[in-house]
Amino acid sequence: MLRNTTKLLVLLLLTGAVISAADEVQYGYHVRLGWVGNSDMILIMRHPLEAAMDVDFAPRDCYEGQPNPDWGIQDQSFDDPTWIYTQDGITNYEHIVSEDLFDVGTYMIIARAFSGGATCTLDIVRWNSENENSRVVKYLTTDPSGTREWRSQRASIYYNMFSRVIKFKQQKSGRNAGKFLIQCNYTQISDELNTNDYMRVYLNEEQVYSDEGQWQWNKKKTKYWIDKPWSVKLFMKNKNEFYIRGIA
């Protein structure tokens, strides 16, 4: 039974890899570390839940030792990062790529040199497919005498609405058995809600529902809906309340 103190997080998501020529593959996210020579280098992408951890390797890290961790929607691969190694002539590359990164928060990108004196480039080729022309390159020189590390933070383009359940009602019998209505309030949302094809619902940080469909909205953008059985209504009023209707 849900109680008013139960936390409901509704995440409205805003809008096996091989690379032969990485720049030609249009990933939504692409980070690259390149160097020439025998330096011992490593590229890591750290999940937002662990971004502040001051450790060599965090449990969810994407890197050579864990090249394809399951992030985002469980058991879906398109929202996971993938580590890949390539060579182009004498240049070595480590890539981390993903079609999309759904998890909310700040991602930490780490380039680490254990030995050698190479000059390397940490190249954020692309950070979300809506921002393909924003490219950041850092030229880094390693120190032959010891380990050096560089870190760069990148924020998620998605967000949660920090929602709290106000009312939960489920039809137990009859023609509408299984249908429910959840009334929530939220503390953070932009004036205009943008979505893509996914919606995830969490109760007490545990995912209880995910759905894929095509989002649509009315002209006033007060009501958003996805392919049945879901309908999401947002009311931009003082109480900042919204309703979710669907099938449990």
Protein backbone atom coordinates (compact mmCIF):
# COMPACT_ATOMS: atom_id res chain seq x y z
CA MET A 1 0.00 0.00 0.00
CA LEU A 2 1.35 3.42 -0.91
CA ARG A 3 1.36 6.11 1.73
CA ASN A 4 1.74 9.84 1.31
CA THR A 5 5.32 9.62 2.53
CA THR A 6 6.32 7.30 -0.30
CA LYS A 7 8.67 9.05 -2.69
CA LEU A 8 7.74 8.85 -6.33
CA LEU A 9 10.36 9.86 -8.83
CA VAL A 10 8.94 10.32 -12.30
CA LEU A 11 11.70 10.76 -14.81
CA LEU A 12 10.52 12.23 -18.10
CA LEU A 13 13.40 11.73 -20.45
CA LEU A 14 14.03 14.74 -22.70
CA THR A 15 14.65 14.43 -25.92
CA GLY A 16 28.01 -4.38 -29.00
CA ALA A 17 29.91 -1.59 -30.76
CA VAL A 18 32.64 -1.57 -33.38
CA ILE A 19 34.45 1.55 -34.50
CA SER A 20 36.50 1.52 -37.67
CA ALA A 21 36.57 5.31 -37.95
CA ALA A 22 34.97 6.60 -34.77
CA ASP A 23 34.19 10.08 -36.02
CA GLU A 24 32.08 8.62 -38.80
CA VAL A 25 29.75 6.90 -36.35
CA GLN A 26 27.09 9.27 -35.11
CA TYR A 27 26.82 8.36 -31.46
CA GLY A 28 24.94 10.72 -29.19
CA TYR A 29 27.92 10.66 -26.82
CA HIS A 30 31.55 10.16 -27.76
CA VAL A 31 34.62 10.74 -25.60
CA ARG A 32 38.09 9.90 -26.93
CA LEU A 33 41.61 9.69 -25.51
CA GLY A 34 44.42 9.58 -28.07
CA TRP A 35 48.21 9.26 -27.78
CA VAL A 36 51.30 8.06 -29.63
CA GLY A 37 53.81 5.68 -28.11
CA ASN A 38 53.92 3.11 -25.33
CA SER A 39 52.47 5.16 -22.50
CA ASP A 40 50.07 3.29 -20.21
CA MET A 41 46.85 5.30 -20.53
CA ILE A 42 43.28 4.71 -19.43
CA LEU A 43 39.97 6.43 -20.13
CA ILE A 44 37.09 6.17 -17.66
CA MET A 45 33.53 7.44 -17.61
CA ARG A 46 32.03 7.48 -14.13
CA HIS A 47 28.31 7.20 -13.39
CA PRO A 48 26.63 10.22 -11.72
CA LEU A 49 25.90 8.22 -8.54
CA GLU A 50 29.64 7.68 -8.11
CA ALA A 51 31.08 10.80 -9.74
CA ALA A 52 32.30 12.24 -6.44
CA MET A 53 34.08 9.04 -5.37
CA ASP A 54 37.84 9.55 -4.95
CA VAL A 55 38.91 6.04 -5.96
CA ASP A 56 40.86 4.53 -8.82
CA PHE A 57 37.84 2.57 -10.03
CA ALA A 58 34.22 2.81 -8.94
CA PRO A 59 31.77 -0.12 -9.26
CA ARG A 60 29.86 1.37 -12.20
CA ASP A 61 32.85 2.75 -14.12
CA CYS A 62 33.00 2.26 -17.87
CA TYR A 63 36.60 1.49 -18.87
CA GLU A 64 38.77 -1.30 -20.31
CA GLY A 65 38.15 -3.56 -17.33
CA GLN A 66 34.36 -3.10 -17.54
CA PRO A 67 33.68 -2.07 -21.14
CA ASN A 68 29.89 -2.21 -21.15
CA PRO A 69 28.22 -1.58 -17.76
CA ASP A 70 24.42 -1.63 -17.57
CA TRP A 71 23.38 1.98 -16.98
CA GLY A 72 20.04 3.67 -17.55
CA ILE A 73 17.11 1.34 -18.18
CA GLN A 74 17.95 -2.12 -16.90
CA ASP A 75 18.74 -4.71 -19.61
CA GLN A 76 18.51 -2.11 -22.39
CA SER A 77 21.79 -1.58 -24.25
CA PHE A 78 21.24 1.64 -26.20
CA ASP A 79 21.57 3.80 -23.08
CA ASP A 80 24.75 2.10 -21.85
CA PRO A 81 28.31 3.37 -22.41
CA THR A 82 30.76 1.19 -24.32
CA TRP A 83 34.57 1.31 -24.11
CA ILE A 84 36.43 0.60 -27.36
CA TYR A 85 40.13 0.60 -28.34
CA THR A 86 41.29 1.46 -31.86
CA GLN A 87 44.48 2.46 -33.67
CA ASP A 88 44.93 4.85 -36.54
CA GLY A 89 48.44 4.48 -37.86
CA ILE A 90 50.75 5.08 -34.90
CA THR A 91 48.05 6.76 -32.80
CA ASN A 92 46.29 4.82 -30.04
CA TYR A 93 42.70 5.65 -29.12
CA GLU A 94 40.39 4.73 -26.30
CA HIS A 95 36.77 5.64 -26.93
CA ILE A 96 33.69 5.64 -24.75
CA VAL A 97 30.51 5.93 -26.79
CA SER A 98 26.78 5.67 -26.21
CA GLU A 99 23.61 6.26 -28.17
CA ASP A 100 22.14 8.01 -25.14
CA LEU A 101 22.81 8.43 -21.42
CA PHE A 102 19.58 8.55 -19.46
CA ASP A 103 20.85 8.72 -15.88
CA VAL A 104 20.38 12.10 -14.23
CA GLY A 105 23.28 14.00 -12.69
CA THR A 106 26.92 14.82 -13.42
CA TYR A 107 29.15 12.38 -15.28
CA MET A 108 32.88 12.35 -14.57
CA ILE A 109 35.30 11.77 -17.44
CA ILE A 110 38.74 10.66 -16.28
CA ALA A 111 41.95 10.33 -18.30
CA ARG A 112 44.80 8.71 -16.42
CA ALA A 113 48.45 8.15 -17.37
CA PHE A 114 50.41 5.57 -15.40
CA SER A 115 53.74 5.77 -17.21
CA GLY A 116 55.53 7.26 -20.17
CA GLY A 117 55.93 10.82 -21.34
CA ALA A 118 53.48 11.03 -24.22
CA THR A 119 51.42 13.99 -25.26
CA CYS A 120 47.77 12.96 -25.46
CA THR A 121 44.44 14.51 -26.34
CA LEU A 122 41.27 14.17 -24.29
CA ASP A 123 38.61 14.92 -26.84
CA ILE A 124 34.92 15.24 -25.98
CA VAL A 125 33.78 14.76 -29.54
CA ARG A 126 30.08 14.84 -28.77
CA TRP A 127 27.95 15.25 -25.67
CA ASN A 128 24.35 14.54 -26.61
CA SER A 129 23.17 14.39 -30.18
CA GLU A 130 21.41 17.75 -29.93
CA ASN A 131 24.74 19.51 -29.44
CA GLU A 132 26.97 17.93 -32.04
CA ASN A 133 28.94 21.09 -32.84
CA SER A 134 30.14 21.68 -29.28
CA ARG A 135 33.56 20.03 -29.17
CA VAL A 136 36.06 20.23 -26.33
CA VAL A 137 39.70 19.16 -26.75
CA LYS A 138 42.39 19.14 -24.04
CA TYR A 139 46.06 18.59 -24.87
CA LEU A 140 47.75 16.80 -22.02
CA THR A 141 51.38 15.97 -21.36
CA THR A 142 52.15 13.01 -19.12
CA ASP A 143 54.90 12.87 -16.52
CA PRO A 144 57.36 9.98 -16.90
CA SER A 145 57.99 9.94 -13.16
CA GLY A 146 54.51 8.99 -12.00
CA THR A 147 50.76 8.85 -12.50
CA ARG A 148 48.89 11.89 -13.71
CA GLU A 149 45.15 12.34 -14.01
CA TRP A 150 42.73 14.77 -15.59
CA ARG A 151 39.03 15.03 -14.85
CA SER A 152 36.24 16.73 -16.74
CA GLN A 153 32.59 16.95 -15.67
CA ARG A 154 29.63 16.82 -18.01
CA ALA A 155 26.03 17.24 -16.90
CA SER A 156 23.12 15.11 -18.01
CA ILE A 157 20.63 16.78 -20.32
CA TYR A 158 17.85 15.00 -18.43
CA TYR A 159 16.44 15.72 -15.01
CA ASN A 160 14.04 14.38 -12.46
CA MET A 161 11.17 16.34 -10.97
CA PHE A 162 11.78 15.44 -7.31
CA SER A 163 8.18 14.38 -6.96
CA ARG A 164 6.17 13.45 -3.89
CA VAL A 165 3.00 11.38 -3.88
CA ILE A 166 -0.10 13.28 -2.76
CA LYS A 167 -2.75 10.72 -3.62
CA PHE A 168 -2.79 7.21 -5.04
CA LYS A 169 -5.96 5.46 -6.18
CA GLN A 170 -6.31 2.14 -7.95
CA GLN A 171 -9.47 0.55 -9.30
CA LYS A 172 -9.60 -2.97 -7.88
CA SER A 173 -12.55 -4.43 -9.77
CA GLY A 174 -15.00 -3.85 -12.57
CA ARG A 175 -14.38 -2.57 -16.07
CA ASN A 176 -11.49 -0.32 -15.03
CA ALA A 177 -9.74 -2.88 -12.83
CA GLY A 178 -6.00 -2.28 -12.77
CA LYS A 179 -6.18 1.38 -13.75
CA PHE A 180 -4.75 3.90 -11.35
CA LEU A 181 -4.30 7.61 -10.74
CA ILE A 182 -1.26 9.06 -8.99
CA GLN A 183 -1.36 12.70 -7.96
CA CYS A 184 2.05 14.23 -7.22
CA ASN A 185 3.70 17.52 -6.65
CA TYR A 186 7.17 18.43 -7.86
CA THR A 187 9.80 20.97 -6.93
CA GLN A 188 11.88 21.28 -10.08
CA ILE A 189 10.66 21.53 -13.63
CA SER A 190 11.26 23.93 -16.48
CA ASP A 191 8.49 26.10 -17.88
CA GLU A 192 8.37 23.86 -20.90
CA LEU A 193 8.69 20.10 -20.66
CA ASN A 194 10.55 18.36 -23.46
CA THR A 195 10.50 14.61 -23.85
CA ASN A 196 11.64 11.79 -26.02
CA ASP A 197 10.22 8.30 -26.19
CA TYR A 198 10.77 7.06 -22.66
CA MET A 199 9.22 7.42 -19.26
CA ARG A 200 10.41 5.77 -16.06
CA VAL A 201 8.69 5.66 -12.68
CA TYR A 202 10.46 4.85 -9.43
CA LEU A 203 9.05 4.18 -5.97
CA ASN A 204 11.62 4.58 -3.20
CA GLU A 205 14.41 4.54 -5.82
CA GLU A 206 13.28 1.21 -7.29
CA GLN A 207 12.06 1.23 -10.87
CA VAL A 208 8.47 0.01 -11.05
CA TYR A 209 7.50 1.01 -14.58
CA SER A 210 9.06 2.00 -17.87
CA ASP A 211 7.29 2.62 -21.14
CA GLU A 212 8.27 3.42 -24.70
CA GLY A 213 6.04 5.25 -27.11
CA GLN A 214 5.70 8.51 -28.97
CA TRP A 215 5.15 11.57 -26.79
CA GLN A 216 2.58 14.12 -27.89
CA TRP A 217 1.20 17.25 -26.27
CA ASN A 218 -1.54 19.80 -26.60
CA LYS A 219 -1.02 23.37 -27.80
CA LYS A 220 -0.89 24.81 -24.29
CA LYS A 221 1.57 22.11 -23.19
CA THR A 222 -0.47 21.40 -20.09
CA LYS A 223 -1.10 17.79 -21.07
CA TYR A 224 1.44 15.28 -22.35
CA TRP A 225 0.63 11.74 -23.34
CA ILE A 226 2.41 8.66 -24.54
CA ASP A 227 1.00 5.66 -26.36
CA LYS A 228 -1.67 3.98 -24.28
CA PRO A 229 -2.06 3.10 -21.47
CA TRP A 230 -0.26 6.21 -20.17
CA SER A 231 -1.46 9.78 -19.90
CA VAL A 232 0.58 12.41 -18.10
CA LYS A 233 -0.96 15.75 -17.25
CA LEU A 234 1.06 18.67 -15.98
CA PHE A 235 -0.53 21.73 -14.42
CA MET A 236 1.71 24.77 -14.26
CA LYS A 237 0.05 26.21 -11.16
CA ASN A 238 1.17 27.30 -7.69
CA LYS A 239 0.88 23.78 -6.29
CA ASN A 240 3.00 22.37 -9.09
CA GLU A 241 0.91 19.25 -9.29
CA PHE A 242 0.64 16.64 -11.99
CA TYR A 243 -1.25 13.41 -12.52
CA ILE A 244 -0.33 10.07 -14.01
CA ARG A 245 -2.99 7.75 -15.29
CA GLY A 246 -2.33 4.27 -16.56
CA ILE A 247 -2.54 0.54 -15.97
CA ALA A 248 -0.71 -0.93 -13.00
